């Protein structure tokens, strides 16, 4: 008997679309939802046929972040006929929605110009688009703005310096020229993520000129100007293997700073002077200090600095700056000094 009822229920459901037994509330909602979706799909197809018949197929424009690929709602999109006058109202002029980051409109078949803009992003490239006799999709990608903020400071005092700043793009075009002040000395400039690198120049009275290349704005350390009256300085954060001449990887930033110093002053010659503490014999410390100076010089020549610009001098333990009475003082005496040669 149950089997017969089940078969009858299935037959009625197949022919009438209704089961013999009562639906639960959840099933009713699901059924109503499916019915509504079928109805909407029918309406969409009907509207699409009508748009094509009227000569206005639908155009969809989607907006995305170029770096992350994420959809960008609230992107202002304009679509204009390529042959329209500049003052003519755009065919489409609205912001992408929050759900799909898109806009849509039925437009006549033809050639159009699509542009997009959004706060915090550079305007999209202009897209030339041939609209067909069916639904079309255009994808626009916006590059985020990169705001570079940095300080201009004195290398000895770390105080702000009033300097003339010029930032250029990779083609040498000037994108900003400004003057820092001696009170705050904080500079902000808007950089385009599509530009592979920028150069920055800084000049100030009584300071050596500064020149650097910015490949990654997120790691730029700022402008550090060295006073012209400075004749020598310690190359801080230089680390060597204990009792050896091998430079440790942790010294890379110090080496890079020295390289940038020499690069920004192409006519400057230097002497690298090495110092040790008093642990070990005089002879071994002399050899060690000379070897470490040679390693620093080799690092500079490998980066492209002419060897003729660099002299070396090992001083061993002869010139301590503090007594070698404890480990902290001995560490201060183990140093590399850069002497400027006129």
C-alpha atoms as a PDB file:
ATOM      1  CA  UNK A   1       0.000   0.000   0.000  1.00  0.00           C
ATOM      2  CA  UNK A   2       2.788   2.435   0.915  1.00  0.00           C
ATOM      3  CA  UNK A   3       4.623   1.624  -2.293  1.00  0.00           C
ATOM      4  CA  UNK A   4       1.524   2.427  -4.339  1.00  0.00           C
ATOM      5  CA  UNK A   5       1.068   5.773  -2.569  1.00  0.00           C
ATOM      6  CA  UNK A   6       4.711   6.628  -3.176  1.00  0.00           C
ATOM      7  CA  UNK A   7       4.403   5.799  -6.877  1.00  0.00           C
ATOM      8  CA  UNK A   8       1.198   7.836  -7.173  1.00  0.00           C
ATOM      9  CA  UNK A   9       2.889  10.767  -5.383  1.00  0.00           C
ATOM     10  CA  UNK A  10       5.814  10.646  -7.787  1.00  0.00           C
ATOM     11  CA  UNK A  11       3.481  10.535 -10.808  1.00  0.00           C
ATOM     12  CA  UNK A  12       1.449  13.482  -9.550  1.00  0.00           C
ATOM     13  CA  UNK A  13       4.648  15.446  -8.857  1.00  0.00           C
ATOM     14  CA  UNK A  14       5.928  14.648 -12.343  1.00  0.00           C
ATOM     15  CA  UNK A  15       2.710  15.748 -14.132  1.00  0.00           C
ATOM     16  CA  UNK A  16       1.332  18.409 -11.816  1.00  0.00           C
ATOM     17  CA  UNK A  17       4.503  19.691 -10.106  1.00  0.00           C
ATOM     18  CA  UNK A  18       2.924  19.099  -6.692  1.00  0.00           C
ATOM     19  CA  UNK A  19       3.702  16.242  -4.255  1.00  0.00           C
ATOM     20  CA  UNK A  20       0.892  14.318  -2.600  1.00  0.00           C
ATOM     21  CA  UNK A  21       2.252  14.992   0.859  1.00  0.00           C
ATOM     22  CA  UNK A  22       2.558  18.457   2.477  1.00  0.00           C
ATOM     23  CA  UNK A  23       5.790  20.448   2.164  1.00  0.00           C
ATOM     24  CA  UNK A  24       7.690  21.754   5.147  1.00  0.00           C
ATOM     25  CA  UNK A  25       8.026  25.571   5.510  1.00  0.00           C
ATOM     26  CA  UNK A  26      11.676  25.387   4.426  1.00  0.00           C
ATOM     27  CA  UNK A  27      10.767  23.384   1.334  1.00  0.00           C
ATOM     28  CA  UNK A  28       8.043  25.860   0.486  1.00  0.00           C
ATOM     29  CA  UNK A  29      10.482  28.764   0.720  1.00  0.00           C
ATOM     30  CA  UNK A  30      13.004  26.912  -1.428  1.00  0.00           C
ATOM     31  CA  UNK A  31      10.338  26.115  -3.982  1.00  0.00           C
ATOM     32  CA  UNK A  32       9.119  29.713  -4.067  1.00  0.00           C
ATOM     33  CA  UNK A  33      12.692  30.929  -4.466  1.00  0.00           C
ATOM     34  CA  UNK A  34      13.342  28.548  -7.347  1.00  0.00           C
ATOM     35  CA  UNK A  35      10.093  29.587  -8.996  1.00  0.00           C
ATOM     36  CA  UNK A  36      10.974  33.261  -8.656  1.00  0.00           C
ATOM     37  CA  UNK A  37      14.449  32.654 -10.101  1.00  0.00           C
ATOM     38  CA  UNK A  38      12.934  30.853 -13.107  1.00  0.00           C
ATOM     39  CA  UNK A  39      10.588  33.760 -13.598  1.00  0.00           C
ATOM     40  CA  UNK A  40      13.443  36.259 -13.425  1.00  0.00           C
ATOM     41  CA  UNK A  41      15.472  34.221 -15.885  1.00  0.00           C
ATOM     42  CA  UNK A  42      12.561  34.237 -18.309  1.00  0.00           C
ATOM     43  CA  UNK A  43      12.249  37.993 -17.857  1.00  0.00           C
ATOM     44  CA  UNK A  44      15.994  38.475 -18.404  1.00  0.00           C
ATOM     45  CA  UNK A  45      15.926  36.470 -21.604  1.00  0.00           C
ATOM     46  CA  UNK A  46      12.866  38.334 -22.801  1.00  0.00           C
ATOM     47  CA  UNK A  47      14.473  41.688 -21.987  1.00  0.00           C
ATOM     48  CA  UNK A  48      17.671  40.627 -23.743  1.00  0.00           C
ATOM     49  CA  UNK A  49      15.758  39.635 -26.896  1.00  0.00           C
ATOM     50  CA  UNK A  50      13.915  42.940 -26.777  1.00  0.00           C
ATOM     51  CA  UNK A  51      17.151  44.945 -26.374  1.00  0.00           C
ATOM     52  CA  UNK A  52      18.726  43.137 -29.300  1.00  0.00           C
ATOM     53  CA  UNK A  53      15.570  43.693 -31.320  1.00  0.00           C
ATOM     54  CA  UNK A  54      15.657  47.404 -30.418  1.00  0.00           C
ATOM     55  CA  UNK A  55      19.350  47.599 -31.325  1.00  0.00           C
ATOM     56  CA  UNK A  56      20.504  48.225 -27.722  1.00  0.00           C
ATOM     57  CA  UNK A  57      22.357  45.133 -26.457  1.00  0.00           C
ATOM     58  CA  UNK A  58      23.473  45.243 -22.824  1.00  0.00           C
ATOM     59  CA  UNK A  59      26.957  46.425 -21.845  1.00  0.00           C
ATOM     60  CA  UNK A  60      28.507  45.399 -18.499  1.00  0.00           C
ATOM     61  CA  UNK A  61      31.516  47.259 -17.075  1.00  0.00           C
ATOM     62  CA  UNK A  62      33.400  45.709 -14.112  1.00  0.00           C
ATOM     63  CA  UNK A  63      36.055  47.478 -12.018  1.00  0.00           C
ATOM     64  CA  UNK A  64      39.056  45.819 -10.296  1.00  0.00           C
ATOM     65  CA  UNK A  65      42.159  46.716  -8.269  1.00  0.00           C
ATOM     66  CA  UNK A  66      45.174  46.087 -10.503  1.00  0.00           C
ATOM     67  CA  UNK A  67      47.465  44.954  -7.685  1.00  0.00           C
ATOM     68  CA  UNK A  68      45.124  42.690  -5.726  1.00  0.00           C
ATOM     69  CA  UNK A  69      42.518  41.746  -8.334  1.00  0.00           C
ATOM     70  CA  UNK A  70      39.747  42.642  -5.860  1.00  0.00           C
ATOM     71  CA  UNK A  71      36.474  44.146  -7.210  1.00  0.00           C
ATOM     72  CA  UNK A  72      36.146  47.905  -6.713  1.00  0.00           C
ATOM     73  CA  UNK A  73      32.654  49.145  -5.865  1.00  0.00           C
ATOM     74  CA  UNK A  74      31.983  52.908  -6.009  1.00  0.00           C
ATOM     75  CA  UNK A  75      34.133  53.259  -9.123  1.00  0.00           C
ATOM     76  CA  UNK A  76      32.814  56.045 -11.336  1.00  0.00           C
ATOM     77  CA  UNK A  77      32.430  54.789 -14.910  1.00  0.00           C
ATOM     78  CA  UNK A  78      31.699  56.799 -18.048  1.00  0.00           C
ATOM     79  CA  UNK A  79      30.977  55.380 -21.488  1.00  0.00           C
ATOM     80  CA  UNK A  80      30.819  57.666 -24.498  1.00  0.00           C
ATOM     81  CA  UNK A  81      30.429  57.215 -28.219  1.00  0.00           C
ATOM     82  CA  UNK A  82      33.828  57.632 -29.853  1.00  0.00           C
ATOM     83  CA  UNK A  83      32.405  60.106 -32.370  1.00  0.00           C
ATOM     84  CA  UNK A  84      30.496  62.213 -29.811  1.00  0.00           C
ATOM     85  CA  UNK A  85      31.410  65.848 -29.212  1.00  0.00           C
ATOM     86  CA  UNK A  86      33.563  66.475 -26.090  1.00  0.00           C
ATOM     87  CA  UNK A  87      30.759  68.402 -24.394  1.00  0.00           C
ATOM     88  CA  UNK A  88      28.087  65.776 -25.073  1.00  0.00           C
ATOM     89  CA  UNK A  89      26.610  63.941 -22.095  1.00  0.00           C
ATOM     90  CA  UNK A  90      28.068  60.380 -21.687  1.00  0.00           C
ATOM     91  CA  UNK A  91      25.907  57.416 -22.662  1.00  0.00           C
ATOM     92  CA  UNK A  92      26.702  55.879 -19.258  1.00  0.00           C
ATOM     93  CA  UNK A  93      27.709  57.896 -16.204  1.00  0.00           C
ATOM     94  CA  UNK A  94      27.387  56.104 -12.850  1.00  0.00           C
ATOM     95  CA  UNK A  95      29.251  54.242 -10.088  1.00  0.00           C
ATOM     96  CA  UNK A  96      29.741  50.488  -9.866  1.00  0.00           C
ATOM     97  CA  UNK A  97      27.483  48.729  -7.369  1.00  0.00           C
ATOM     98  CA  UNK A  98      28.543  47.182  -4.067  1.00  0.00           C
ATOM     99  CA  UNK A  99      27.573  43.604  -4.936  1.00  0.00           C
ATOM    100  CA  UNK A 100      29.462  42.950  -8.175  1.00  0.00           C
ATOM    101  CA  UNK A 101      31.395  46.204  -8.669  1.00  0.00           C
ATOM    102  CA  UNK A 102      29.727  46.687 -12.037  1.00  0.00           C
ATOM    103  CA  UNK A 103      27.458  48.977 -14.037  1.00  0.00           C
ATOM    104  CA  UNK A 104      25.304  48.030 -16.995  1.00  0.00           C
ATOM    105  CA  UNK A 105      23.231  49.667 -19.703  1.00  0.00           C
ATOM    106  CA  UNK A 106      21.690  48.828 -23.046  1.00  0.00           C
ATOM    107  CA  UNK A 107      23.553  50.722 -25.772  1.00  0.00           C
ATOM    108  CA  UNK A 108      23.325  50.801 -29.566  1.00  0.00           C
ATOM    109  CA  UNK A 109      25.911  48.825 -31.495  1.00  0.00           C
ATOM    110  CA  UNK A 110      29.003  50.958 -32.127  1.00  0.00           C
ATOM    111  CA  UNK A 111      32.465  51.995 -30.895  1.00  0.00           C
ATOM    112  CA  UNK A 112      32.749  53.474 -27.410  1.00  0.00           C
ATOM    113  CA  UNK A 113      35.302  54.938 -25.015  1.00  0.00           C
ATOM    114  CA  UNK A 114      35.268  53.565 -21.467  1.00  0.00           C
ATOM    115  CA  UNK A 115      36.935  55.425 -18.570  1.00  0.00           C
ATOM    116  CA  UNK A 116      36.885  54.833 -14.801  1.00  0.00           C
ATOM    117  CA  UNK A 117      38.068  56.680 -11.692  1.00  0.00           C
ATOM    118  CA  UNK A 118      37.958  56.123  -7.936  1.00  0.00           C
ATOM    119  CA  UNK A 119      39.215  57.894  -4.812  1.00  0.00           C
ATOM    120  CA  UNK A 120      42.671  56.612  -3.876  1.00  0.00           C
ATOM    121  CA  UNK A 121      43.384  55.314  -7.387  1.00  0.00           C
ATOM    122  CA  UNK A 122      44.818  56.688 -10.580  1.00  0.00           C
ATOM    123  CA  UNK A 123      42.253  56.969 -13.429  1.00  0.00           C
ATOM    124  CA  UNK A 124      42.065  53.891 -15.619  1.00  0.00           C
ATOM    125  CA  UNK A 125      43.546  53.777 -19.079  1.00  0.00           C
ATOM    126  CA  UNK A 126      41.098  54.741 -21.815  1.00  0.00           C
ATOM    127  CA  UNK A 127      39.520  51.629 -23.329  1.00  0.00           C
ATOM    128  CA  UNK A 128      38.266  51.669 -26.927  1.00  0.00           C
ATOM    129  CA  UNK A 129      35.505  49.111 -27.280  1.00  0.00           C
ATOM    130  CA  UNK A 130      33.425  47.750 -30.186  1.00  0.00           C
ATOM    131  CA  UNK A 131      29.933  46.963 -28.880  1.00  0.00           C
ATOM    132  CA  UNK A 132      28.429  43.917 -30.647  1.00  0.00           C
ATOM    133  CA  UNK A 133      24.869  42.806 -31.256  1.00  0.00           C
ATOM    134  CA  UNK A 134      24.802  40.843 -27.999  1.00  0.00           C
ATOM    135  CA  UNK A 135      25.720  41.336 -24.356  1.00  0.00           C
ATOM    136  CA  UNK A 136      29.306  42.557 -23.869  1.00  0.00           C
ATOM    137  CA  UNK A 137      31.618  42.819 -20.863  1.00  0.00           C
ATOM    138  CA  UNK A 138      34.421  45.317 -20.295  1.00  0.00           C
ATOM    139  CA  UNK A 139      36.958  44.950 -17.477  1.00  0.00           C
ATOM    140  CA  UNK A 140      38.682  48.096 -16.183  1.00  0.00           C
ATOM    141  CA  UNK A 141      41.659  47.953 -13.820  1.00  0.00           C
ATOM    142  CA  UNK A 142      42.763  50.825 -11.613  1.00  0.00           C
ATOM    143  CA  UNK A 143      46.214  51.276 -10.111  1.00  0.00           C
ATOM    144  CA  UNK A 144      46.251  52.355  -6.449  1.00  0.00           C
ATOM    145  CA  UNK A 145      47.956  55.607  -5.564  1.00  0.00           C
ATOM    146  CA  UNK A 146      51.221  55.254  -3.627  1.00  0.00           C
ATOM    147  CA  UNK A 147      51.895  58.153  -1.267  1.00  0.00           C
ATOM    148  CA  UNK A 148      55.575  58.407  -0.406  1.00  0.00           C
ATOM    149  CA  UNK A 149      56.226  60.262   2.842  1.00  0.00           C
ATOM    150  CA  UNK A 150      59.793  60.888   3.976  1.00  0.00           C
ATOM    151  CA  UNK A 151      61.962  63.219   6.028  1.00  0.00           C
ATOM    152  CA  UNK A 152      65.046  65.283   5.173  1.00  0.00           C
ATOM    153  CA  UNK A 153      67.537  65.167   8.033  1.00  0.00           C
ATOM    154  CA  UNK A 154      71.129  65.894   9.008  1.00  0.00           C
ATOM    155  CA  UNK A 155      73.261  62.725   9.098  1.00  0.00           C
ATOM    156  CA  UNK A 156      74.943  63.730  12.363  1.00  0.00           C
ATOM    157  CA  UNK A 157      72.162  65.335  14.405  1.00  0.00           C
ATOM    158  CA  UNK A 158      69.088  63.750  12.743  1.00  0.00           C
ATOM    159  CA  UNK A 159      67.507  67.196  12.805  1.00  0.00           C
ATOM    160  CA  UNK A 160      65.346  68.429   9.901  1.00  0.00           C
ATOM    161  CA  UNK A 161      67.140  70.254   7.098  1.00  0.00           C
ATOM    162  CA  UNK A 162      65.774  72.920   4.740  1.00  0.00           C
ATOM    163  CA  UNK A 163      66.615  71.522   1.294  1.00  0.00           C
ATOM    164  CA  UNK A 164      65.516  71.687  -2.323  1.00  0.00           C
ATOM    165  CA  UNK A 165      63.904  68.375  -3.341  1.00  0.00           C
ATOM    166  CA  UNK A 166      63.318  67.115  -6.902  1.00  0.00           C
ATOM    167  CA  UNK A 167      61.605  63.811  -7.708  1.00  0.00           C
ATOM    168  CA  UNK A 168      61.751  62.470 -11.282  1.00  0.00           C
ATOM    169  CA  UNK A 169      60.187  59.453 -12.967  1.00  0.00           C
ATOM    170  CA  UNK A 170      62.196  56.762 -14.761  1.00  0.00           C
ATOM    171  CA  UNK A 171      62.139  58.784 -18.001  1.00  0.00           C
ATOM    172  CA  UNK A 172      63.719  61.778 -16.264  1.00  0.00           C
ATOM    173  CA  UNK A 173      60.519  63.800 -16.177  1.00  0.00           C
ATOM    174  CA  UNK A 174      60.121  66.030 -13.135  1.00  0.00           C
ATOM    175  CA  UNK A 175      57.007  65.134 -11.142  1.00  0.00           C
ATOM    176  CA  UNK A 176      57.671  67.246  -8.049  1.00  0.00           C
ATOM    177  CA  UNK A 177      59.939  70.044  -6.899  1.00  0.00           C
ATOM    178  CA  UNK A 178      59.590  71.442  -3.420  1.00  0.00           C
ATOM    179  CA  UNK A 179      61.521  72.757  -0.432  1.00  0.00           C
ATOM    180  CA  UNK A 180      61.626  71.060   2.934  1.00  0.00           C
ATOM    181  CA  UNK A 181      61.661  73.209   6.062  1.00  0.00           C
ATOM    182  CA  UNK A 182      63.966  73.089   9.058  1.00  0.00           C
ATOM    183  CA  UNK A 183      61.118  72.566  11.529  1.00  0.00           C
ATOM    184  CA  UNK A 184      59.347  69.362  10.466  1.00  0.00           C
ATOM    185  CA  UNK A 185      60.935  68.486   7.120  1.00  0.00           C
ATOM    186  CA  UNK A 186      58.270  65.954   6.125  1.00  0.00           C
ATOM    187  CA  UNK A 187      57.632  65.602   2.396  1.00  0.00           C
ATOM    188  CA  UNK A 188      54.768  63.693   0.735  1.00  0.00           C
ATOM    189  CA  UNK A 189      54.592  62.903  -2.971  1.00  0.00           C
ATOM    190  CA  UNK A 190      52.147  60.820  -5.004  1.00  0.00           C
ATOM    191  CA  UNK A 191      53.805  58.034  -7.002  1.00  0.00           C
ATOM    192  CA  UNK A 192      52.346  55.899  -9.776  1.00  0.00           C
ATOM    193  CA  UNK A 193      52.616  52.148  -9.163  1.00  0.00           C
ATOM    194  CA  UNK A 194      53.160  51.580 -12.890  1.00  0.00           C
ATOM    195  CA  UNK A 195      56.431  53.530 -12.959  1.00  0.00           C
ATOM    196  CA  UNK A 196      59.356  51.066 -12.388  1.00  0.00           C
ATOM    197  CA  UNK A 197      61.497  53.518 -10.428  1.00  0.00           C
ATOM    198  CA  UNK A 198      61.968  57.150  -9.449  1.00  0.00           C
ATOM    199  CA  UNK A 199      65.026  59.260  -8.692  1.00  0.00           C
ATOM    200  CA  UNK A 200      65.212  61.791  -5.897  1.00  0.00           C
ATOM    201  CA  UNK A 201      67.670  64.665  -5.615  1.00  0.00           C
ATOM    202  CA  UNK A 202      68.272  66.933  -2.623  1.00  0.00           C
ATOM    203  CA  UNK A 203      70.547  69.944  -2.284  1.00  0.00           C
ATOM    204  CA  UNK A 204      71.149  72.290   0.630  1.00  0.00           C
ATOM    205  CA  UNK A 205      73.807  74.891   1.468  1.00  0.00           C
ATOM    206  CA  UNK A 206      76.774  73.448   3.378  1.00  0.00           C
ATOM    207  CA  UNK A 207      75.682  69.865   2.650  1.00  0.00           C
ATOM    208  CA  UNK A 208      76.826  67.311   0.103  1.00  0.00           C
ATOM    209  CA  UNK A 209      74.216  66.718  -2.654  1.00  0.00           C
ATOM    210  CA  UNK A 210      71.978  63.682  -2.213  1.00  0.00           C
ATOM    211  CA  UNK A 211      70.854  61.399  -5.052  1.00  0.00           C
ATOM    212  CA  UNK A 212      69.020  58.102  -4.761  1.00  0.00           C
ATOM    213  CA  UNK A 213      66.835  55.749  -6.804  1.00  0.00           C
ATOM    214  CA  UNK A 214      63.479  54.628  -5.409  1.00  0.00           C
ATOM    215  CA  UNK A 215      62.479  51.157  -6.580  1.00  0.00           C
ATOM    216  CA  UNK A 216      60.097  50.379  -3.719  1.00  0.00           C
ATOM    217  CA  UNK A 217      58.451  53.405  -2.038  1.00  0.00           C
ATOM    218  CA  UNK A 218      57.530  51.260   0.958  1.00  0.00           C
ATOM    219  CA  UNK A 219      61.171  50.770   2.009  1.00  0.00           C
ATOM    220  CA  UNK A 220      62.639  54.184   1.143  1.00  0.00           C
ATOM    221  CA  UNK A 221      64.585  55.396   4.186  1.00  0.00           C
ATOM    222  CA  UNK A 222      64.336  59.121   3.518  1.00  0.00           C
ATOM    223  CA  UNK A 223      66.858  61.815   2.598  1.00  0.00           C
ATOM    224  CA  UNK A 224      69.897  62.009   4.859  1.00  0.00           C
ATOM    225  CA  UNK A 225      72.240  64.928   4.106  1.00  0.00           C
ATOM    226  CA  UNK A 226      75.859  64.969   5.207  1.00  0.00           C
ATOM    227  CA  UNK A 227      77.459  68.294   6.206  1.00  0.00           C
ATOM    228  CA  UNK A 228      80.365  69.330   3.978  1.00  0.00           C
ATOM    229  CA  UNK A 229      82.618  70.049   6.947  1.00  0.00           C
ATOM    230  CA  UNK A 230      82.480  66.389   7.970  1.00  0.00           C
ATOM    231  CA  UNK A 231      85.825  64.738   7.232  1.00  0.00           C
ATOM    232  CA  UNK A 232      85.065  61.260   8.534  1.00  0.00           C
ATOM    233  CA  UNK A 233      82.257  59.121   9.920  1.00  0.00           C
ATOM    234  CA  UNK A 234      81.799  55.676  11.398  1.00  0.00           C
ATOM    235  CA  UNK A 235      80.062  53.079   9.240  1.00  0.00           C
ATOM    236  CA  UNK A 236      77.665  51.796  11.868  1.00  0.00           C
ATOM    237  CA  UNK A 237      76.085  48.331  11.906  1.00  0.00           C
ATOM    238  CA  UNK A 238      79.043  46.669  10.181  1.00  0.00           C
ATOM    239  CA  UNK A 239      79.411  43.119  11.457  1.00  0.00           C
ATOM    240  CA  UNK A 240      82.120  40.532  10.763  1.00  0.00           C
ATOM    241  CA  UNK A 241      82.513  36.897  11.705  1.00  0.00           C
ATOM    242  CA  UNK A 242      84.362  36.619  15.028  1.00  0.00           C
ATOM    243  CA  UNK A 243      88.111  36.880  14.471  1.00  0.00           C
ATOM    244  CA  UNK A 244      87.636  36.789  10.674  1.00  0.00           C
ATOM    245  CA  UNK A 245      87.330  39.184   7.754  1.00  0.00           C
ATOM    246  CA  UNK A 246      84.053  37.743   6.418  1.00  0.00           C
ATOM    247  CA  UNK A 247      81.215  40.292   6.392  1.00  0.00           C
ATOM    248  CA  UNK A 248      77.964  39.032   7.925  1.00  0.00           C
ATOM    249  CA  UNK A 249      74.645  39.361   6.073  1.00  0.00           C
ATOM    250  CA  UNK A 250      73.369  41.701   8.796  1.00  0.00           C
ATOM    251  CA  UNK A 251      75.778  44.355   7.459  1.00  0.00           C
ATOM    252  CA  UNK A 252      73.959  44.707   4.128  1.00  0.00           C
ATOM    253  CA  UNK A 253      72.156  47.929   5.049  1.00  0.00           C
ATOM    254  CA  UNK A 254      75.431  49.589   6.137  1.00  0.00           C
ATOM    255  CA  UNK A 255      77.084  48.542   2.871  1.00  0.00           C
ATOM    256  CA  UNK A 256      74.129  49.819   0.889  1.00  0.00           C
ATOM    257  CA  UNK A 257      74.282  53.164   2.711  1.00  0.00           C
ATOM    258  CA  UNK A 258      77.971  53.527   1.841  1.00  0.00           C
ATOM    259  CA  UNK A 259      77.284  52.582  -1.755  1.00  0.00           C
ATOM    260  CA  UNK A 260      74.507  55.185  -2.040  1.00  0.00           C
ATOM    261  CA  UNK A 261      76.827  57.781  -0.477  1.00  0.00           C
ATOM    262  CA  UNK A 262      79.496  57.104  -3.123  1.00  0.00           C
ATOM    263  CA  UNK A 263      76.929  56.904  -5.905  1.00  0.00           C
ATOM    264  CA  UNK A 264      75.471  60.310  -5.058  1.00  0.00           C
ATOM    265  CA  UNK A 265      78.968  61.872  -4.921  1.00  0.00           C
ATOM    266  CA  UNK A 266      80.714  60.511  -8.042  1.00  0.00           C
ATOM    267  CA  UNK A 267      83.890  62.567  -7.495  1.00  0.00           C
ATOM    268  CA  UNK A 268      84.335  61.775  -3.811  1.00  0.00           C
ATOM    269  CA  UNK A 269      87.317  59.599  -2.841  1.00  0.00           C
ATOM    270  CA  UNK A 270      87.420  57.831   0.526  1.00  0.00           C
ATOM    271  CA  UNK A 271      89.729  55.895   2.799  1.00  0.00           C
ATOM    272  CA  UNK A 272      88.314  52.897   4.650  1.00  0.00           C
ATOM    273  CA  UNK A 273      90.005  52.610   8.040  1.00  0.00           C
ATOM    274  CA  UNK A 274      89.583  49.458  10.117  1.00  0.00           C
ATOM    275  CA  UNK A 275      89.936  49.249  13.912  1.00  0.00           C
ATOM    276  CA  UNK A 276      89.889  46.303  16.326  1.00  0.00           C
ATOM    277  CA  UNK A 277      89.826  45.842  20.105  1.00  0.00           C
ATOM    278  CA  UNK A 278      92.882  44.676  22.073  1.00  0.00           C
ATOM    279  CA  UNK A 279      92.021  40.953  22.133  1.00  0.00           C
ATOM    280  CA  UNK A 280      94.841  39.107  20.363  1.00  0.00           C
ATOM    281  CA  UNK A 281      98.329  40.108  19.301  1.00  0.00           C
ATOM    282  CA  UNK A 282      99.198  43.402  17.658  1.00  0.00           C
ATOM    283  CA  UNK A 283     100.169  41.615  14.444  1.00  0.00           C
ATOM    284  CA  UNK A 284      96.972  39.539  14.214  1.00  0.00           C
ATOM    285  CA  UNK A 285      94.813  42.605  14.891  1.00  0.00           C
ATOM    286  CA  UNK A 286      96.675  44.588  12.222  1.00  0.00           C
ATOM    287  CA  UNK A 287      96.140  41.835   9.646  1.00  0.00           C
ATOM    288  CA  UNK A 288      92.501  41.487  10.698  1.00  0.00           C
ATOM    289  CA  UNK A 289      91.769  45.213  10.351  1.00  0.00           C
ATOM    290  CA  UNK A 290      93.392  45.370   6.914  1.00  0.00           C
ATOM    291  CA  UNK A 291      91.485  42.304   5.728  1.00  0.00           C
ATOM    292  CA  UNK A 292      88.157  43.715   6.869  1.00  0.00           C
ATOM    293  CA  UNK A 293      88.828  47.009   5.053  1.00  0.00           C
ATOM    294  CA  UNK A 294      89.614  45.046   1.897  1.00  0.00           C
ATOM    295  CA  UNK A 295      86.320  43.146   2.195  1.00  0.00           C
ATOM    296  CA  UNK A 296      84.373  46.420   2.446  1.00  0.00           C
ATOM    297  CA  UNK A 297      86.218  47.830  -0.575  1.00  0.00           C
ATOM    298  CA  UNK A 298      85.556  44.655  -2.585  1.00  0.00           C
ATOM    299  CA  UNK A 299      81.867  44.955  -1.733  1.00  0.00           C
ATOM    300  CA  UNK A 300      81.816  48.487  -3.174  1.00  0.00           C
ATOM    301  CA  UNK A 301      83.698  47.557  -6.372  1.00  0.00           C
ATOM    302  CA  UNK A 302      81.329  44.642  -6.997  1.00  0.00           C
ATOM    303  CA  UNK A 303      78.469  47.162  -6.911  1.00  0.00           C
ATOM    304  CA  UNK A 304      80.166  49.318  -9.547  1.00  0.00           C
ATOM    305  CA  UNK A 305      82.297  51.808  -7.593  1.00  0.00           C
ATOM    306  CA  UNK A 306      85.740  52.361  -9.193  1.00  0.00           C
ATOM    307  CA  UNK A 307      88.527  50.884  -7.083  1.00  0.00           C
ATOM    308  CA  UNK A 308      90.635  54.022  -7.678  1.00  0.00           C
ATOM    309  CA  UNK A 309      88.213  55.975  -5.474  1.00  0.00           C
ATOM    310  CA  UNK A 310      88.842  53.829  -2.400  1.00  0.00           C
ATOM    311  CA  UNK A 311      91.935  53.547  -0.241  1.00  0.00           C
ATOM    312  CA  UNK A 312      92.224  51.192   2.737  1.00  0.00           C
ATOM    313  CA  UNK A 313      94.142  51.413   5.994  1.00  0.00           C
ATOM    314  CA  UNK A 314      94.266  48.944   8.860  1.00  0.00           C
ATOM    315  CA  UNK A 315      94.918  50.518  12.247  1.00  0.00           C
ATOM    316  CA  UNK A 316      94.556  47.393  14.357  1.00  0.00           C
ATOM    317  CA  UNK A 317      94.121  48.203  18.043  1.00  0.00           C
ATOM    318  CA  UNK A 318      96.161  51.431  17.993  1.00  0.00           C
ATOM    319  CA  UNK A 319      93.308  53.997  18.035  1.00  0.00           C
ATOM    320  CA  UNK A 320      90.659  53.018  20.607  1.00  0.00           C
ATOM    321  CA  UNK A 321      87.922  55.564  21.222  1.00  0.00           C
ATOM    322  CA  UNK A 322      87.203  54.194  24.706  1.00  0.00           C
ATOM    323  CA  UNK A 323      89.231  51.971  27.069  1.00  0.00           C
ATOM    324  CA  UNK A 324      89.092  48.231  26.287  1.00  0.00           C
ATOM    325  CA  UNK A 325      87.983  47.468  29.843  1.00  0.00           C
ATOM    326  CA  UNK A 326      84.724  45.596  29.123  1.00  0.00           C
ATOM    327  CA  UNK A 327      82.879  43.965  26.228  1.00  0.00           C
ATOM    328  CA  UNK A 328      80.666  46.990  25.523  1.00  0.00           C
ATOM    329  CA  UNK A 329      83.722  49.227  25.139  1.00  0.00           C
ATOM    330  CA  UNK A 330      85.573  46.650  23.063  1.00  0.00           C
ATOM    331  CA  UNK A 331      82.591  46.489  20.713  1.00  0.00           C
ATOM    332  CA  UNK A 332      82.734  50.280  20.271  1.00  0.00           C
ATOM    333  CA  UNK A 333      86.417  50.025  19.357  1.00  0.00           C
ATOM    334  CA  UNK A 334      85.707  47.355  16.728  1.00  0.00           C
ATOM    335  CA  UNK A 335      84.627  49.728  13.988  1.00  0.00           C
ATOM    336  CA  UNK A 336      85.001  50.759  10.344  1.00  0.00           C
ATOM    337  CA  UNK A 337      85.620  54.447   9.719  1.00  0.00           C
ATOM    338  CA  UNK A 338      85.166  56.300   6.427  1.00  0.00           C
ATOM    339  CA  UNK A 339      87.542  59.220   5.857  1.00  0.00           C
ATOM    340  CA  UNK A 340      86.727  61.686   3.075  1.00  0.00           C
ATOM    341  CA  UNK A 341      89.679  62.525   0.851  1.00  0.00           C
ATOM    342  CA  UNK A 342      89.717  66.003  -0.724  1.00  0.00           C
END
